[in-house]
Amino acid sequence: MAQEPDPSTQQEAAVIARQRLMRRLMELLDAEGVRQLESWLRERQVLSDGQEDPGAVMVEGLEVELAVAQEYGALLQALDQARTG
């Protein structure tokens, strides 16, 4: 019987699988779907923390939210790459 992977390996595998799925779904969108997704990602790629330069100074407790905003930016880049080939 195969040994179960450790939790960190399972978590990493889940992240990779979800990233691959998201990229494939982005490739399948029609022009309007791409436009809407692009707009949605653009609105979320910068964390609005009320500062003049968002994210310049880390506000305690916002590390995860900042990382999520950065991931939206990475997804926006992946969307652009999927569109341009």
Protein backbone atom coordinates (compact mmCIF):
# COMPACT_ATOMS: atom_id res chain seq x y z
CA MET A 1 0.00 0.00 0.00
CA ALA A 2 1.30 3.48 -0.90
CA GLN A 3 2.35 5.74 1.94
CA GLU A 4 0.32 8.91 2.41
CA PRO A 5 2.29 12.09 1.65
CA ASP A 6 3.00 14.35 4.60
CA PRO A 7 0.64 17.32 5.13
CA SER A 8 3.06 19.89 3.70
CA THR A 9 3.46 17.83 0.52
CA GLN A 10 -0.32 17.48 0.26
CA GLN A 11 -0.74 21.24 0.72
CA GLU A 12 1.89 22.03 -1.92
CA ALA A 13 0.27 19.56 -4.34
CA ALA A 14 -3.14 21.16 -3.76
CA VAL A 15 -1.74 24.64 -4.50
CA ILE A 16 -0.04 23.43 -7.70
CA ALA A 17 -3.18 21.62 -8.88
CA ARG A 18 -5.33 24.70 -8.26
CA GLN A 19 -2.87 26.93 -10.09
CA ARG A 20 -2.89 24.61 -13.10
CA LEU A 21 -6.68 24.46 -13.04
CA MET A 22 -6.97 28.25 -12.87
CA ARG A 23 -4.59 28.71 -15.79
CA ARG A 24 -6.52 26.16 -17.87
CA LEU A 25 -9.85 27.79 -17.06
CA MET A 26 -8.44 31.18 -18.08
CA GLU A 27 -7.40 29.69 -21.42
CA LEU A 28 -10.99 28.53 -22.03
CA LEU A 29 -12.69 31.90 -21.44
CA ASP A 30 -14.26 33.81 -24.30
CA ALA A 31 -13.33 37.46 -24.89
CA GLU A 32 -16.01 38.84 -22.55
CA GLY A 33 -15.09 36.38 -19.79
CA VAL A 34 -11.44 37.37 -20.12
CA ARG A 35 -12.35 41.06 -19.90
CA GLN A 36 -14.45 40.53 -16.77
CA LEU A 37 -11.84 38.36 -15.07
CA GLU A 38 -9.09 40.82 -15.94
CA SER A 39 -11.09 43.67 -14.41
CA TRP A 40 -11.83 41.65 -11.28
CA LEU A 41 -8.16 40.72 -10.82
CA ARG A 42 -6.98 44.30 -11.43
CA GLU A 43 -9.27 45.56 -8.65
CA ARG A 44 -7.77 43.05 -6.22
CA GLN A 45 -4.07 42.97 -7.09
CA VAL A 46 -3.23 45.87 -4.78
CA LEU A 47 -4.12 45.67 -1.12
CA SER A 48 -5.99 48.77 -0.06
CA ASP A 49 -4.76 49.42 3.45
CA GLY A 50 -5.57 53.11 3.61
CA GLN A 51 -1.98 54.20 3.07
CA GLU A 52 -0.76 56.63 0.44
CA ASP A 53 1.55 53.90 -0.92
CA PRO A 54 -0.43 50.67 -0.35
CA GLY A 55 1.67 47.87 1.06
CA ALA A 56 4.77 50.04 1.57
CA VAL A 57 4.59 49.65 5.33
CA MET A 58 3.30 46.33 6.60
CA VAL A 59 0.29 46.75 8.84
CA GLU A 60 0.23 44.05 11.49
CA GLY A 61 -2.18 41.27 10.65
CA LEU A 62 -2.33 42.00 6.92
CA GLU A 63 0.43 39.65 5.77
CA VAL A 64 -2.01 37.07 4.36
CA GLU A 65 -4.13 39.72 2.65
CA LEU A 66 -1.02 41.22 1.05
CA ALA A 67 0.04 37.78 -0.18
CA VAL A 68 -3.45 37.22 -1.61
CA ALA A 69 -3.30 40.54 -3.46
CA GLN A 70 0.11 39.58 -4.85
CA GLU A 71 -1.29 36.24 -6.00
CA TYR A 72 -4.10 38.08 -7.83
CA GLY A 73 -1.37 40.02 -9.62
CA ALA A 74 0.35 36.74 -10.57
CA LEU A 75 -2.96 35.38 -11.86
CA LEU A 76 -3.44 38.55 -13.91
CA GLN A 77 -0.02 37.94 -15.48
CA ALA A 78 -0.96 34.30 -16.17
CA LEU A 79 -4.18 35.48 -17.80
CA ASP A 80 -2.20 37.82 -20.03
CA GLN A 81 0.20 35.00 -20.95
CA ALA A 82 -2.70 32.67 -21.74
CA ARG A 83 -4.19 35.31 -24.05
CA THR A 84 -0.97 36.11 -25.87
CA GLY A 85 0.24 32.53 -26.05
